[in-house]
Amino acid sequence: MSASESSATFNAGPESAGSRPTSCRNQSRKLSAYTAVVVAKLREFAPYAALELVMPGGSLMALGLWLYRRQKRASLLAAP
């Protein structure tokens, strides 16, 4: 082993040893939380996207159905 290799090993911090800094762990947790939110939203819109792709005029039908269901849900939330 040469002198430059031994000094590089000695000067290496915890990042090079395979452990991640805490800021990197926090960022990966935030990223996974955001990913979960995005996947949940995509699952909510999946039936409307399928309707849009399969039926002729499906864009208007999907938009109308989405608005109807959203209006119905909003009225249920406002009820005492």
N, C-alpha and C. Protein backbone atom coordinates (compact mmCIF):
# COMPACT_ATOMS: atom_id res chain seq x y z
N MET A 1 0.85 -1.16 0.00
CA MET A 1 0.00 0.00 0.00
C MET A 1 0.90 1.23 0.00
N SER A 2 0.59 2.17 -0.87
CA SER A 2 1.42 3.37 -0.97
C SER A 2 1.01 4.38 0.09
N ALA A 3 1.82 5.41 0.26
CA ALA A 3 1.55 6.43 1.27
C ALA A 3 0.29 7.21 0.96
N SER A 4 -0.01 7.44 -0.31
CA SER A 4 -1.21 8.20 -0.66
C SER A 4 -2.47 7.39 -0.37
N GLU A 5 -2.43 6.08 -0.55
CA GLU A 5 -3.59 5.25 -0.25
C GLU A 5 -3.85 5.18 1.25
N SER A 6 -2.78 5.07 2.03
CA SER A 6 -2.96 4.98 3.48
C SER A 6 -3.48 6.31 4.04
N SER A 7 -3.02 7.43 3.51
CA SER A 7 -3.52 8.71 4.00
C SER A 7 -4.95 8.94 3.55
N ALA A 8 -5.32 8.45 2.37
CA ALA A 8 -6.70 8.59 1.91
C ALA A 8 -7.63 7.79 2.80
N THR A 9 -7.20 6.61 3.21
CA THR A 9 -8.01 5.80 4.11
C THR A 9 -8.12 6.45 5.48
N PHE A 10 -7.02 7.02 5.95
CA PHE A 10 -7.03 7.66 7.26
C PHE A 10 -7.90 8.92 7.26
N ASN A 11 -7.89 9.68 6.19
CA ASN A 11 -8.65 10.93 6.12
C ASN A 11 -10.11 10.73 5.74
N ALA A 12 -10.50 9.53 5.41
CA ALA A 12 -11.88 9.29 4.98
C ALA A 12 -12.83 9.48 6.15
N GLY A 13 -13.92 10.15 5.87
CA GLY A 13 -14.92 10.40 6.90
C GLY A 13 -15.96 9.29 6.91
N PRO A 14 -17.01 9.44 7.71
CA PRO A 14 -18.04 8.41 7.81
C PRO A 14 -18.83 8.25 6.51
N GLU A 15 -18.82 9.28 5.64
CA GLU A 15 -19.55 9.17 4.39
C GLU A 15 -18.96 8.09 3.50
N SER A 16 -17.62 7.99 3.49
CA SER A 16 -16.98 7.01 2.63
C SER A 16 -17.02 5.62 3.23
N ALA A 17 -17.31 5.50 4.51
CA ALA A 17 -17.34 4.19 5.17
C ALA A 17 -18.66 3.47 4.91
N GLY A 18 -19.61 4.10 4.23
CA GLY A 18 -20.86 3.44 3.91
C GLY A 18 -22.05 3.95 4.72
N SER A 19 -21.83 4.72 5.76
CA SER A 19 -22.96 5.25 6.51
C SER A 19 -23.35 6.60 5.93
N ARG A 20 -24.62 6.88 5.99
CA ARG A 20 -25.12 8.14 5.44
C ARG A 20 -25.21 9.19 6.53
N PRO A 21 -25.02 10.44 6.17
CA PRO A 21 -25.24 11.51 7.14
C PRO A 21 -26.73 11.63 7.45
N THR A 22 -27.06 12.21 8.58
CA THR A 22 -28.46 12.30 8.98
C THR A 22 -29.27 13.16 8.03
N SER A 23 -28.68 14.17 7.43
CA SER A 23 -29.44 15.01 6.50
C SER A 23 -29.88 14.22 5.28
N CYS A 24 -29.04 13.29 4.84
CA CYS A 24 -29.40 12.46 3.70
C CYS A 24 -30.54 11.51 4.07
N ARG A 25 -30.52 10.99 5.28
CA ARG A 25 -31.60 10.11 5.73
C ARG A 25 -32.91 10.87 5.81
N ASN A 26 -32.87 12.10 6.33
CA ASN A 26 -34.08 12.90 6.44
C ASN A 26 -34.64 13.22 5.05
N GLN A 27 -33.77 13.51 4.11
CA GLN A 27 -34.22 13.80 2.75
C GLN A 27 -34.85 12.58 2.11
N SER A 28 -34.30 11.41 2.36
CA SER A 28 -34.88 10.20 1.77
C SER A 28 -36.23 9.90 2.40
N ARG A 29 -36.40 10.19 3.69
CA ARG A 29 -37.70 10.01 4.33
C ARG A 29 -38.73 10.96 3.75
N LYS A 30 -38.32 12.22 3.54
CA LYS A 30 -39.23 13.20 2.94
C LYS A 30 -39.61 12.79 1.53
N LEU A 31 -38.63 12.30 0.78
CA LEU A 31 -38.89 11.87 -0.59
C LEU A 31 -39.86 10.70 -0.61
N SER A 32 -39.71 9.75 0.30
CA SER A 32 -40.62 8.62 0.33
C SER A 32 -42.01 9.05 0.76
N ALA A 33 -42.11 10.04 1.64
CA ALA A 33 -43.42 10.55 2.04
C ALA A 33 -44.10 11.26 0.87
N TYR A 34 -43.34 12.06 0.13
CA TYR A 34 -43.91 12.74 -1.04
C TYR A 34 -44.31 11.72 -2.10
N THR A 35 -43.53 10.69 -2.27
CA THR A 35 -43.84 9.65 -3.24
C THR A 35 -45.15 8.96 -2.86
N ALA A 36 -45.35 8.69 -1.59
CA ALA A 36 -46.58 8.05 -1.14
C ALA A 36 -47.79 8.94 -1.42
N VAL A 37 -47.64 10.24 -1.22
CA VAL A 37 -48.74 11.17 -1.49
C VAL A 37 -49.07 11.19 -2.98
N VAL A 38 -48.04 11.22 -3.82
CA VAL A 38 -48.25 11.26 -5.27
C VAL A 38 -48.93 9.98 -5.74
N VAL A 39 -48.51 8.84 -5.23
CA VAL A 39 -49.11 7.56 -5.62
C VAL A 39 -50.57 7.51 -5.19
N ALA A 40 -50.88 8.02 -4.01
CA ALA A 40 -52.27 8.05 -3.54
C ALA A 40 -53.13 8.92 -4.44
N LYS A 41 -52.60 10.07 -4.85
CA LYS A 41 -53.36 10.95 -5.75
C LYS A 41 -53.56 10.30 -7.12
N LEU A 42 -52.54 9.61 -7.62
CA LEU A 42 -52.67 8.93 -8.91
C LEU A 42 -53.70 7.82 -8.86
N ARG A 43 -53.76 7.11 -7.74
CA ARG A 43 -54.78 6.06 -7.59
C ARG A 43 -56.18 6.64 -7.57
N GLU A 44 -56.30 7.86 -7.05
CA GLU A 44 -57.60 8.52 -7.01
C GLU A 44 -58.08 8.87 -8.42
N PHE A 45 -57.16 9.21 -9.32
CA PHE A 45 -57.53 9.62 -10.67
C PHE A 45 -57.48 8.48 -11.69
N ALA A 46 -57.08 7.31 -11.30
CA ALA A 46 -56.93 6.19 -12.24
C ALA A 46 -58.24 5.82 -12.95
N PRO A 47 -59.37 5.71 -12.28
CA PRO A 47 -60.60 5.36 -13.00
C PRO A 47 -60.99 6.41 -14.05
N TYR A 48 -60.74 7.67 -13.74
CA TYR A 48 -61.08 8.72 -14.68
C TYR A 48 -60.16 8.68 -15.90
N ALA A 49 -58.91 8.38 -15.69
CA ALA A 49 -57.96 8.26 -16.80
C ALA A 49 -58.33 7.08 -17.68
N ALA A 50 -58.75 5.97 -17.09
CA ALA A 50 -59.15 4.81 -17.88
C ALA A 50 -60.40 5.13 -18.70
N LEU A 51 -61.35 5.82 -18.10
CA LEU A 51 -62.56 6.21 -18.81
C LEU A 51 -62.22 7.13 -19.97
N GLU A 52 -61.31 8.02 -19.76
CA GLU A 52 -60.90 8.97 -20.80
C GLU A 52 -60.24 8.25 -21.97
N LEU A 53 -59.41 7.26 -21.68
CA LEU A 53 -58.69 6.57 -22.74
C LEU A 53 -59.57 5.60 -23.52
N VAL A 54 -60.53 4.97 -22.87
CA VAL A 54 -61.31 3.90 -23.49
C VAL A 54 -62.50 4.43 -24.29
N MET A 55 -63.21 5.41 -23.77
CA MET A 55 -64.45 5.84 -24.41
C MET A 55 -64.24 7.05 -25.32
N PRO A 56 -64.98 7.08 -26.42
CA PRO A 56 -64.95 8.30 -27.24
C PRO A 56 -65.63 9.44 -26.48
N GLY A 57 -65.01 10.58 -26.46
CA GLY A 57 -65.55 11.69 -25.67
C GLY A 57 -65.32 11.48 -24.19
N GLY A 58 -64.40 10.61 -23.86
CA GLY A 58 -64.17 10.25 -22.47
C GLY A 58 -63.63 11.39 -21.64
N SER A 59 -62.96 12.34 -22.25
CA SER A 59 -62.42 13.47 -21.49
C SER A 59 -63.55 14.27 -20.84
N LEU A 60 -64.58 14.54 -21.61
CA LEU A 60 -65.72 15.30 -21.07
C LEU A 60 -66.49 14.47 -20.05
N MET A 61 -66.64 13.19 -20.33
CA MET A 61 -67.35 12.32 -19.39
C MET A 61 -66.57 12.18 -18.08
N ALA A 62 -65.26 12.00 -18.17
CA ALA A 62 -64.44 11.87 -16.97
C ALA A 62 -64.46 13.16 -16.16
N LEU A 63 -64.37 14.29 -16.83
CA LEU A 63 -64.43 15.56 -16.13
C LEU A 63 -65.78 15.76 -15.45
N GLY A 64 -66.85 15.45 -16.14
CA GLY A 64 -68.18 15.57 -15.55
C GLY A 64 -68.38 14.65 -14.35
N LEU A 65 -67.93 13.41 -14.47
CA LEU A 65 -68.05 12.47 -13.36
C LEU A 65 -67.20 12.91 -12.17
N TRP A 66 -65.99 13.40 -12.44
CA TRP A 66 -65.13 13.87 -11.36
C TRP A 66 -65.77 15.05 -10.64
N LEU A 67 -66.33 16.00 -11.40
CA LEU A 67 -66.99 17.15 -10.78
C LEU A 67 -68.21 16.73 -9.98
N TYR A 68 -68.98 15.78 -10.51
CA TYR A 68 -70.17 15.31 -9.81
C TYR A 68 -69.80 14.63 -8.48
N ARG A 69 -68.82 13.75 -8.53
CA ARG A 69 -68.42 13.05 -7.31
C ARG A 69 -67.78 14.00 -6.31
N ARG A 70 -67.05 14.99 -6.78
CA ARG A 70 -66.42 15.97 -5.90
C ARG A 70 -67.49 16.84 -5.22
N GLN A 71 -68.52 17.22 -5.97
CA GLN A 71 -69.61 18.02 -5.41
C GLN A 71 -70.35 17.21 -4.36
N LYS A 72 -70.58 15.95 -4.63
CA LYS A 72 -71.29 15.08 -3.71
C LYS A 72 -70.48 14.90 -2.42
N ARG A 73 -69.17 14.72 -2.54
CA ARG A 73 -68.30 14.55 -1.38
C ARG A 73 -68.25 15.84 -0.55
N ALA A 74 -68.22 16.98 -1.21
CA ALA A 74 -68.16 18.27 -0.50
C ALA A 74 -69.45 18.50 0.29
N SER A 75 -70.59 18.10 -0.26
CA SER A 75 -71.85 18.28 0.46
C SER A 75 -71.94 17.34 1.66
N LEU A 76 -71.34 16.15 1.57
CA LEU A 76 -71.34 15.24 2.71
C LEU A 76 -70.44 15.76 3.83
N LEU A 77 -69.35 16.39 3.47
CA LEU A 77 -68.44 16.94 4.47
C LEU A 77 -69.04 18.15 5.16
N ALA A 78 -69.90 18.89 4.47
CA ALA A 78 -70.49 20.11 5.05
C ALA A 78 -71.69 19.78 5.94
N ALA A 79 -72.26 18.58 5.82
CA ALA A 79 -73.43 18.21 6.63
C ALA A 79 -73.04 18.08 8.10
N PRO A 80 -73.96 18.49 8.99
CA PRO A 80 -73.65 18.44 10.44
C PRO A 80 -73.58 17.06 11.00
